[in-house]
Amino acid sequence: MSADLQAERIVAAARDWIGTPYRHQGSRKGVGCDCLGLVRGVWAEVTGSLTEEPGAYAPDWAERSGTERLMAAARLHCGDPVPPAEAMPGDIVLFRWRAGVSAKHTGILSGPDRFIHAYEPAGVIESALVPSWRRRIAAVHRIPQAG
């Protein structure tokens, strides 16, 4: 499958989650998910494989742990990050709320200036990648080609 076709499939799959309510640690389309559950669900749909369960995590896990669990998981499944200037629709984007804390939010780019994410209390929405979001980007990862 071409990279463009895969990107289209990823974005279409992510858009199909829009309207799913926010539910911490959830990962079920139409029922409830958080940002990680959205990415894991889209991953499973597009690649046909499941990622490991992340285990229980509190809403403030990143602030308390200081570990880059989200970054490590993205690297494990996707390899090295791509430069933000090379980001394209279908890429996974990770956000850090402020310097010195772990990345803790994720979404899927749906266009050059838009992304899909699960955000409390809105649920799964498509948002503009405005400067306040763009400056928080910690990494961009590309989902590997489905085999």
Protein backbone atom coordinates (compact mmCIF):
# COMPACT_ATOMS: atom_id res chain seq x y z
CA MET A 1 0.00 0.00 0.00
CA SER A 2 1.31 3.45 -0.83
CA ALA A 3 2.12 5.92 1.94
CA ASP A 4 -0.61 8.26 0.64
CA LEU A 5 -3.23 5.50 0.71
CA GLN A 6 -2.20 4.48 4.22
CA ALA A 7 -2.38 8.10 5.38
CA GLU A 8 -5.90 8.37 3.93
CA ARG A 9 -6.94 5.17 5.73
CA ILE A 10 -5.53 6.43 9.04
CA VAL A 11 -7.29 9.79 8.79
CA ALA A 12 -10.58 8.16 7.72
CA ALA A 13 -10.35 5.70 10.63
CA ALA A 14 -9.61 8.54 13.08
CA ARG A 15 -12.51 10.63 11.76
CA ASP A 16 -14.79 7.65 12.31
CA TRP A 17 -14.06 8.04 16.07
CA ILE A 18 -15.23 11.68 16.15
CA GLY A 19 -18.06 12.03 18.64
CA THR A 20 -16.84 9.21 20.88
CA PRO A 21 -17.17 10.45 24.47
CA TYR A 22 -14.08 11.01 26.59
CA ARG A 23 -13.42 8.20 29.03
CA HIS A 24 -10.12 7.97 30.91
CA GLN A 25 -8.35 4.72 29.90
CA GLY A 26 -11.15 3.86 27.47
CA SER A 27 -10.46 2.56 23.96
CA ARG A 28 -13.84 1.75 22.40
CA LYS A 29 -15.12 3.67 19.41
CA GLY A 30 -18.53 5.16 20.09
CA VAL A 31 -18.39 4.11 23.77
CA GLY A 32 -15.49 6.07 25.24
CA CYS A 33 -11.77 6.68 24.95
CA ASP A 34 -8.95 8.92 25.98
CA CYS A 35 -6.24 10.17 23.64
CA LEU A 36 -4.20 6.98 23.94
CA GLY A 37 -7.26 4.80 23.42
CA LEU A 38 -8.04 6.69 20.21
CA VAL A 39 -4.54 6.15 18.81
CA ARG A 40 -4.51 2.49 19.89
CA GLY A 41 -7.92 1.93 18.27
CA VAL A 42 -6.95 3.55 14.99
CA TRP A 43 -3.65 1.62 15.04
CA ALA A 44 -5.52 -1.69 15.43
CA GLU A 45 -7.95 -0.83 12.65
CA VAL A 46 -5.27 0.22 10.18
CA THR A 47 -2.51 -2.30 10.95
CA GLY A 48 -4.66 -5.24 11.98
CA SER A 49 -2.59 -5.71 15.14
CA LEU A 50 -3.07 -4.69 18.74
CA THR A 51 -0.57 -2.85 20.88
CA GLU A 52 0.01 -4.03 24.42
CA GLU A 53 -2.35 -2.82 27.12
CA PRO A 54 -0.79 0.23 28.80
CA GLY A 55 -1.89 -0.85 32.27
CA ALA A 56 -3.61 1.42 34.74
CA TYR A 57 -2.60 5.05 34.75
CA ALA A 58 -3.89 8.00 36.74
CA PRO A 59 -4.89 11.22 34.98
CA ASP A 60 -1.76 12.91 36.42
CA TRP A 61 0.65 10.03 35.65
CA ALA A 62 3.03 12.19 33.61
CA GLU A 63 3.39 14.85 36.25
CA ARG A 64 4.04 12.32 39.01
CA SER A 65 6.21 9.77 37.21
CA GLY A 66 8.57 11.97 35.26
CA THR A 67 9.07 9.08 32.80
CA GLU A 68 8.51 9.37 29.07
CA ARG A 69 6.17 6.37 28.81
CA LEU A 70 4.25 7.79 25.84
CA MET A 71 7.43 8.69 23.96
CA ALA A 72 8.94 5.25 24.67
CA ALA A 73 5.80 3.47 23.42
CA ALA A 74 5.72 5.58 20.23
CA ARG A 75 9.38 4.80 19.55
CA LEU A 76 8.83 1.08 20.24
CA HIS A 77 5.94 0.79 17.78
CA CYS A 78 6.86 3.42 15.20
CA GLY A 79 10.63 3.78 15.35
CA ASP A 80 12.45 7.08 15.44
CA PRO A 81 10.36 10.25 15.29
CA VAL A 82 10.12 12.21 12.07
CA PRO A 83 11.08 15.88 12.01
CA PRO A 84 7.99 18.03 12.68
CA ALA A 85 8.60 19.84 9.37
CA GLU A 86 8.05 16.49 7.59
CA ALA A 87 4.80 15.69 9.41
CA MET A 88 1.95 14.58 7.19
CA PRO A 89 -1.68 13.55 7.64
CA GLY A 90 -1.92 10.18 9.39
CA ASP A 91 1.09 10.81 11.62
CA ILE A 92 0.84 10.47 15.38
CA VAL A 93 1.66 13.67 17.22
CA LEU A 94 2.67 13.76 20.90
CA PHE A 95 2.30 16.84 23.06
CA ARG A 96 4.02 18.06 26.20
CA TRP A 97 2.02 20.55 28.28
CA ARG A 98 5.13 22.40 29.43
CA ALA A 99 8.90 22.06 29.50
CA GLY A 100 10.22 19.64 32.07
CA VAL A 101 7.19 17.32 32.12
CA SER A 102 6.61 14.13 30.18
CA ALA A 103 4.63 14.11 26.96
CA LYS A 104 1.11 13.13 27.92
CA HIS A 105 -1.29 13.89 25.08
CA THR A 106 -1.50 12.42 21.61
CA GLY A 107 -3.54 12.68 18.46
CA ILE A 108 -3.46 11.99 14.74
CA LEU A 109 -2.72 14.66 12.15
CA SER A 110 -5.64 15.00 9.75
CA GLY A 111 -4.19 17.80 7.64
CA PRO A 112 -1.29 20.22 7.72
CA ASP A 113 -3.02 22.35 10.35
CA ARG A 114 -5.53 19.95 11.93
CA PHE A 115 -5.51 16.92 14.21
CA ILE A 116 -7.93 14.46 15.76
CA HIS A 117 -7.70 13.75 19.48
CA ALA A 118 -9.73 12.80 22.54
CA TYR A 119 -9.88 15.73 24.86
CA GLU A 120 -11.70 16.01 28.17
CA PRO A 121 -14.55 17.02 28.32
CA ALA A 122 -15.13 17.29 24.54
CA GLY A 123 -14.50 13.65 23.56
CA VAL A 124 -12.99 12.87 20.17
CA ILE A 125 -12.84 16.03 18.08
CA GLU A 126 -10.91 17.47 15.17
CA SER A 127 -9.06 20.61 16.19
CA ALA A 128 -7.03 23.27 14.46
CA LEU A 129 -3.31 22.93 15.12
CA VAL A 130 -3.11 26.52 16.33
CA PRO A 131 0.11 27.98 17.75
CA SER A 132 -0.83 27.05 21.33
CA TRP A 133 -0.99 23.38 20.27
CA ARG A 134 1.90 23.52 17.79
CA ARG A 135 4.40 24.83 20.37
CA ARG A 136 3.58 21.86 22.63
CA ILE A 137 4.52 19.22 20.04
CA ALA A 138 7.07 16.89 21.62
CA ALA A 139 7.40 14.36 18.76
CA VAL A 140 5.82 13.17 15.53
CA HIS A 141 5.74 9.48 14.63
CA ARG A 142 4.63 7.69 11.50
CA ILE A 143 2.61 4.48 11.73
CA PRO A 144 4.61 1.79 9.90
CA GLN A 145 3.20 0.43 6.65
CA ALA A 146 0.74 -2.36 7.25
CA GLY A 147 2.17 -5.66 6.06
